[in-house]
Amino acid sequence: MRFVLENFSGNNVVMLMRKAGYFLVGEYRENQELNFINPISINDYPRFHIYLRIRLKTKELVFNLHLDQKKPVYKKASDHGADYESEAIKREAERILLVLQ
């Protein structure tokens, strides 16, 4: 699910995402996106996963949120049973926007 936080103040994005319960796990230089996760349980999966793009000119944070249901089975495969549009995803997107505004 894609959603946007407008009027981003330019504060430290990593600290803002920590406030929402997410932590940085990497950076995708090719797409200029930051990679954040928020585990739901004490195990690694399921977990909420966000690719975050920062648009400084328009002062926007663009979120691409999904729920990783399980770890990929094969080393080079990206198939991991992700959920992109469920009610849980919609509620999480709303929660993130409330925390960050």
N, C-alpha and C. Protein backbone atom coordinates (compact mmCIF):
# COMPACT_ATOMS: atom_id res chain seq x y z
N MET A 1 0.85 -1.17 0.00
CA MET A 1 0.00 0.00 0.00
C MET A 1 0.89 1.23 0.00
N ARG A 2 0.62 2.11 -0.90
CA ARG A 2 1.37 3.37 -0.96
C ARG A 2 0.56 4.48 -0.30
N PHE A 3 1.25 5.30 0.49
CA PHE A 3 0.63 6.48 1.07
C PHE A 3 1.70 7.53 1.29
N VAL A 4 1.27 8.78 1.50
CA VAL A 4 2.20 9.91 1.55
C VAL A 4 1.96 10.73 2.82
N LEU A 5 3.05 11.12 3.45
CA LEU A 5 3.00 12.09 4.54
C LEU A 5 3.48 13.41 3.96
N GLU A 6 2.58 14.38 3.90
CA GLU A 6 2.91 15.69 3.33
C GLU A 6 3.43 16.61 4.41
N ASN A 7 4.08 17.68 3.97
CA ASN A 7 4.64 18.70 4.87
C ASN A 7 5.66 18.11 5.84
N PHE A 8 6.50 17.23 5.32
CA PHE A 8 7.57 16.64 6.11
C PHE A 8 8.52 17.75 6.54
N SER A 9 8.83 17.78 7.82
CA SER A 9 9.62 18.88 8.38
C SER A 9 11.11 18.79 8.10
N GLY A 10 11.57 17.67 7.57
CA GLY A 10 12.99 17.52 7.30
C GLY A 10 13.76 16.98 8.48
N ASN A 11 13.05 16.57 9.55
CA ASN A 11 13.70 15.98 10.71
C ASN A 11 14.35 14.65 10.34
N ASN A 12 15.10 14.11 11.25
CA ASN A 12 15.78 12.84 11.06
C ASN A 12 14.74 11.74 10.83
N VAL A 13 14.74 11.18 9.64
CA VAL A 13 13.75 10.18 9.26
C VAL A 13 13.89 8.90 10.09
N VAL A 14 15.10 8.50 10.39
CA VAL A 14 15.30 7.28 11.17
C VAL A 14 14.69 7.43 12.56
N MET A 15 14.88 8.58 13.18
CA MET A 15 14.30 8.82 14.50
C MET A 15 12.77 8.88 14.43
N LEU A 16 12.24 9.49 13.37
CA LEU A 16 10.77 9.53 13.21
C LEU A 16 10.20 8.13 13.09
N MET A 17 10.85 7.30 12.30
CA MET A 17 10.36 5.94 12.10
C MET A 17 10.50 5.11 13.38
N ARG A 18 11.52 5.36 14.17
CA ARG A 18 11.64 4.68 15.46
C ARG A 18 10.46 5.03 16.36
N LYS A 19 10.03 6.27 16.28
CA LYS A 19 8.87 6.72 17.05
C LYS A 19 7.62 5.90 16.68
N ALA A 20 7.56 5.47 15.43
CA ALA A 20 6.43 4.66 14.96
C ALA A 20 6.67 3.16 15.15
N GLY A 21 7.82 2.79 15.73
CA GLY A 21 8.10 1.38 16.01
C GLY A 21 8.91 0.67 14.94
N TYR A 22 9.47 1.40 14.01
CA TYR A 22 10.23 0.82 12.91
C TYR A 22 11.72 1.07 13.08
N PHE A 23 12.52 0.15 12.55
CA PHE A 23 13.96 0.40 12.55
C PHE A 23 14.54 0.14 11.18
N LEU A 24 15.61 0.88 10.91
CA LEU A 24 16.26 0.85 9.60
C LEU A 24 17.04 -0.45 9.45
N VAL A 25 16.85 -1.11 8.31
CA VAL A 25 17.60 -2.33 8.02
C VAL A 25 18.46 -2.19 6.77
N GLY A 26 18.31 -1.11 6.04
CA GLY A 26 19.13 -0.94 4.85
C GLY A 26 18.68 0.22 4.00
N GLU A 27 19.45 0.43 2.96
CA GLU A 27 19.18 1.51 2.03
C GLU A 27 19.32 0.97 0.62
N TYR A 28 18.34 1.26 -0.22
CA TYR A 28 18.40 0.85 -1.61
C TYR A 28 18.82 2.05 -2.44
N ARG A 29 20.09 2.11 -2.75
CA ARG A 29 20.63 3.26 -3.50
C ARG A 29 20.04 3.35 -4.90
N GLU A 30 19.78 2.21 -5.51
CA GLU A 30 19.23 2.20 -6.87
C GLU A 30 17.91 2.95 -6.93
N ASN A 31 17.03 2.70 -5.96
CA ASN A 31 15.73 3.36 -5.92
C ASN A 31 15.69 4.55 -4.98
N GLN A 32 16.80 4.83 -4.31
CA GLN A 32 16.89 5.91 -3.33
C GLN A 32 15.80 5.77 -2.27
N GLU A 33 15.65 4.56 -1.74
CA GLU A 33 14.66 4.28 -0.71
C GLU A 33 15.34 3.73 0.53
N LEU A 34 14.75 4.04 1.67
CA LEU A 34 15.20 3.46 2.93
C LEU A 34 14.30 2.28 3.24
N ASN A 35 14.86 1.27 3.88
CA ASN A 35 14.18 0.02 4.15
C ASN A 35 13.98 -0.12 5.66
N PHE A 36 12.72 -0.14 6.12
CA PHE A 36 12.39 -0.23 7.54
C PHE A 36 11.51 -1.45 7.80
N ILE A 37 11.66 -2.05 8.99
CA ILE A 37 10.77 -3.13 9.39
C ILE A 37 10.26 -2.90 10.81
N ASN A 38 9.11 -3.52 11.10
CA ASN A 38 8.51 -3.51 12.43
C ASN A 38 7.98 -4.93 12.68
N PRO A 39 8.76 -5.76 13.40
CA PRO A 39 8.31 -7.13 13.67
C PRO A 39 7.04 -7.12 14.54
N ILE A 40 6.13 -8.01 14.23
CA ILE A 40 4.87 -8.10 14.96
C ILE A 40 5.00 -9.01 16.17
N SER A 41 5.90 -10.00 16.07
CA SER A 41 6.09 -10.95 17.16
C SER A 41 7.56 -11.00 17.54
N ILE A 42 7.90 -11.87 18.48
CA ILE A 42 9.30 -11.98 18.89
C ILE A 42 10.16 -12.64 17.81
N ASN A 43 9.52 -13.30 16.87
CA ASN A 43 10.22 -13.89 15.74
C ASN A 43 10.41 -12.83 14.67
N ASP A 44 11.16 -13.14 13.65
CA ASP A 44 11.39 -12.19 12.56
C ASP A 44 10.14 -11.97 11.69
N TYR A 45 9.26 -12.95 11.65
CA TYR A 45 8.08 -12.88 10.80
C TYR A 45 6.87 -13.30 11.61
N PRO A 46 5.69 -12.78 11.29
CA PRO A 46 5.39 -11.74 10.32
C PRO A 46 5.93 -10.38 10.77
N ARG A 47 6.04 -9.48 9.81
CA ARG A 47 6.55 -8.14 10.11
C ARG A 47 6.02 -7.14 9.07
N PHE A 48 5.81 -5.92 9.54
CA PHE A 48 5.49 -4.84 8.61
C PHE A 48 6.80 -4.37 8.00
N HIS A 49 6.75 -4.07 6.71
CA HIS A 49 7.95 -3.71 5.96
C HIS A 49 7.65 -2.48 5.11
N ILE A 50 8.51 -1.48 5.22
CA ILE A 50 8.30 -0.22 4.49
C ILE A 50 9.52 0.12 3.66
N TYR A 51 9.28 0.48 2.41
CA TYR A 51 10.28 1.14 1.59
C TYR A 51 9.88 2.61 1.60
N LEU A 52 10.79 3.46 2.02
CA LEU A 52 10.47 4.88 2.23
C LEU A 52 11.32 5.75 1.32
N ARG A 53 10.65 6.60 0.58
CA ARG A 53 11.33 7.55 -0.31
C ARG A 53 11.12 8.96 0.24
N ILE A 54 12.17 9.74 0.28
CA ILE A 54 12.11 11.11 0.78
C ILE A 54 12.14 12.06 -0.41
N ARG A 55 11.13 12.92 -0.49
CA ARG A 55 11.08 13.95 -1.55
C ARG A 55 11.26 15.30 -0.88
N LEU A 56 12.49 15.79 -0.88
CA LEU A 56 12.80 17.04 -0.19
C LEU A 56 12.17 18.25 -0.86
N LYS A 57 12.12 18.27 -2.20
CA LYS A 57 11.56 19.42 -2.91
C LYS A 57 10.09 19.65 -2.56
N THR A 58 9.33 18.57 -2.46
CA THR A 58 7.90 18.69 -2.17
C THR A 58 7.59 18.45 -0.69
N LYS A 59 8.63 18.19 0.12
CA LYS A 59 8.48 17.94 1.56
C LYS A 59 7.51 16.79 1.83
N GLU A 60 7.76 15.66 1.15
CA GLU A 60 6.90 14.48 1.30
C GLU A 60 7.73 13.25 1.66
N LEU A 61 7.10 12.38 2.44
CA LEU A 61 7.62 11.03 2.65
C LEU A 61 6.65 10.09 1.95
N VAL A 62 7.17 9.29 1.06
CA VAL A 62 6.34 8.35 0.31
C VAL A 62 6.61 6.95 0.84
N PHE A 63 5.57 6.33 1.38
CA PHE A 63 5.66 5.02 2.01
C PHE A 63 5.15 3.95 1.06
N ASN A 64 5.84 2.82 1.02
CA ASN A 64 5.36 1.63 0.34
C ASN A 64 5.36 0.54 1.40
N LEU A 65 4.19 0.27 1.96
CA LEU A 65 4.02 -0.62 3.11
C LEU A 65 3.44 -1.96 2.69
N HIS A 66 3.99 -3.03 3.24
CA HIS A 66 3.39 -4.36 3.08
C HIS A 66 3.69 -5.19 4.32
N LEU A 67 3.05 -6.32 4.41
CA LEU A 67 3.21 -7.24 5.53
C LEU A 67 3.89 -8.50 5.01
N ASP A 68 5.12 -8.74 5.48
CA ASP A 68 5.83 -9.97 5.14
C ASP A 68 5.28 -11.08 6.03
N GLN A 69 4.63 -12.06 5.44
CA GLN A 69 4.03 -13.14 6.22
C GLN A 69 5.05 -14.18 6.67
N LYS A 70 6.04 -14.43 5.80
CA LYS A 70 7.04 -15.44 6.12
C LYS A 70 8.34 -15.14 5.39
N LYS A 71 9.39 -15.76 5.83
CA LYS A 71 10.72 -15.60 5.24
C LYS A 71 10.74 -16.27 3.86
N PRO A 72 11.45 -15.67 2.90
CA PRO A 72 11.57 -16.32 1.59
C PRO A 72 12.17 -17.73 1.75
N VAL A 73 11.65 -18.66 0.99
CA VAL A 73 12.07 -20.05 1.11
C VAL A 73 13.42 -20.29 0.44
N TYR A 74 13.64 -19.66 -0.70
CA TYR A 74 14.88 -19.85 -1.44
C TYR A 74 15.75 -18.61 -1.33
N LYS A 75 17.05 -18.80 -1.34
CA LYS A 75 17.99 -17.69 -1.12
C LYS A 75 17.83 -16.56 -2.12
N LYS A 76 17.64 -16.88 -3.39
CA LYS A 76 17.57 -15.84 -4.41
C LYS A 76 16.14 -15.45 -4.77
N ALA A 77 15.19 -15.98 -4.08
CA ALA A 77 13.79 -15.68 -4.37
C ALA A 77 13.30 -14.56 -3.47
N SER A 78 12.43 -13.73 -4.01
CA SER A 78 11.85 -12.65 -3.20
C SER A 78 10.42 -12.96 -2.78
N ASP A 79 9.89 -14.10 -3.19
CA ASP A 79 8.53 -14.49 -2.83
C ASP A 79 8.47 -14.84 -1.34
N HIS A 80 7.71 -14.06 -0.58
CA HIS A 80 7.67 -14.25 0.86
C HIS A 80 6.26 -14.12 1.43
N GLY A 81 5.27 -14.34 0.62
CA GLY A 81 3.90 -14.30 1.12
C GLY A 81 3.51 -12.94 1.65
N ALA A 82 3.75 -11.90 0.88
CA ALA A 82 3.47 -10.54 1.34
C ALA A 82 2.00 -10.17 1.12
N ASP A 83 1.53 -9.32 2.00
CA ASP A 83 0.16 -8.81 1.96
C ASP A 83 0.27 -7.30 1.72
N TYR A 84 -0.42 -6.80 0.70
CA TYR A 84 -0.29 -5.40 0.32
C TYR A 84 -1.53 -4.55 0.57
N GLU A 85 -2.69 -5.15 0.77
CA GLU A 85 -3.92 -4.36 0.82
C GLU A 85 -4.93 -4.79 1.88
N SER A 86 -4.56 -5.55 2.87
CA SER A 86 -5.52 -6.03 3.86
C SER A 86 -5.93 -4.93 4.84
N GLU A 87 -6.90 -5.25 5.68
CA GLU A 87 -7.32 -4.31 6.72
C GLU A 87 -6.18 -4.02 7.69
N ALA A 88 -5.35 -5.02 7.97
CA ALA A 88 -4.20 -4.81 8.87
C ALA A 88 -3.24 -3.77 8.28
N ILE A 89 -3.05 -3.82 6.98
CA ILE A 89 -2.17 -2.85 6.31
C ILE A 89 -2.79 -1.45 6.38
N LYS A 90 -4.08 -1.35 6.14
CA LYS A 90 -4.76 -0.05 6.19
C LYS A 90 -4.69 0.55 7.60
N ARG A 91 -4.91 -0.28 8.62
CA ARG A 91 -4.83 0.21 10.00
C ARG A 91 -3.41 0.65 10.36
N GLU A 92 -2.42 -0.10 9.89
CA GLU A 92 -1.03 0.26 10.17
C GLU A 92 -0.66 1.57 9.48
N ALA A 93 -1.11 1.78 8.26
CA ALA A 93 -0.84 3.03 7.55
C ALA A 93 -1.46 4.21 8.31
N GLU A 94 -2.69 4.05 8.78
CA GLU A 94 -3.35 5.10 9.55
C GLU A 94 -2.60 5.38 10.84
N ARG A 95 -2.15 4.32 11.52
CA ARG A 95 -1.40 4.48 12.78
C ARG A 95 -0.09 5.23 12.55
N ILE A 96 0.61 4.89 11.49
CA ILE A 96 1.88 5.56 11.18
C ILE A 96 1.66 7.04 10.95
N LEU A 97 0.65 7.38 10.14
CA LEU A 97 0.38 8.80 9.87
C LEU A 97 0.01 9.55 11.15
N LEU A 98 -0.76 8.94 12.03
CA LEU A 98 -1.11 9.60 13.29
C LEU A 98 0.12 9.84 14.16
N VAL A 99 0.99 8.85 14.23
CA VAL A 99 2.20 8.98 15.07
C VAL A 99 3.14 10.05 14.51
N LEU A 100 3.27 10.12 13.21
CA LEU A 100 4.26 11.01 12.60
C LEU A 100 3.78 12.44 12.37
N GLN A 101 2.50 12.68 12.49
CA GLN A 101 2.00 14.05 12.25
C GLN A 101 2.17 14.93 13.47
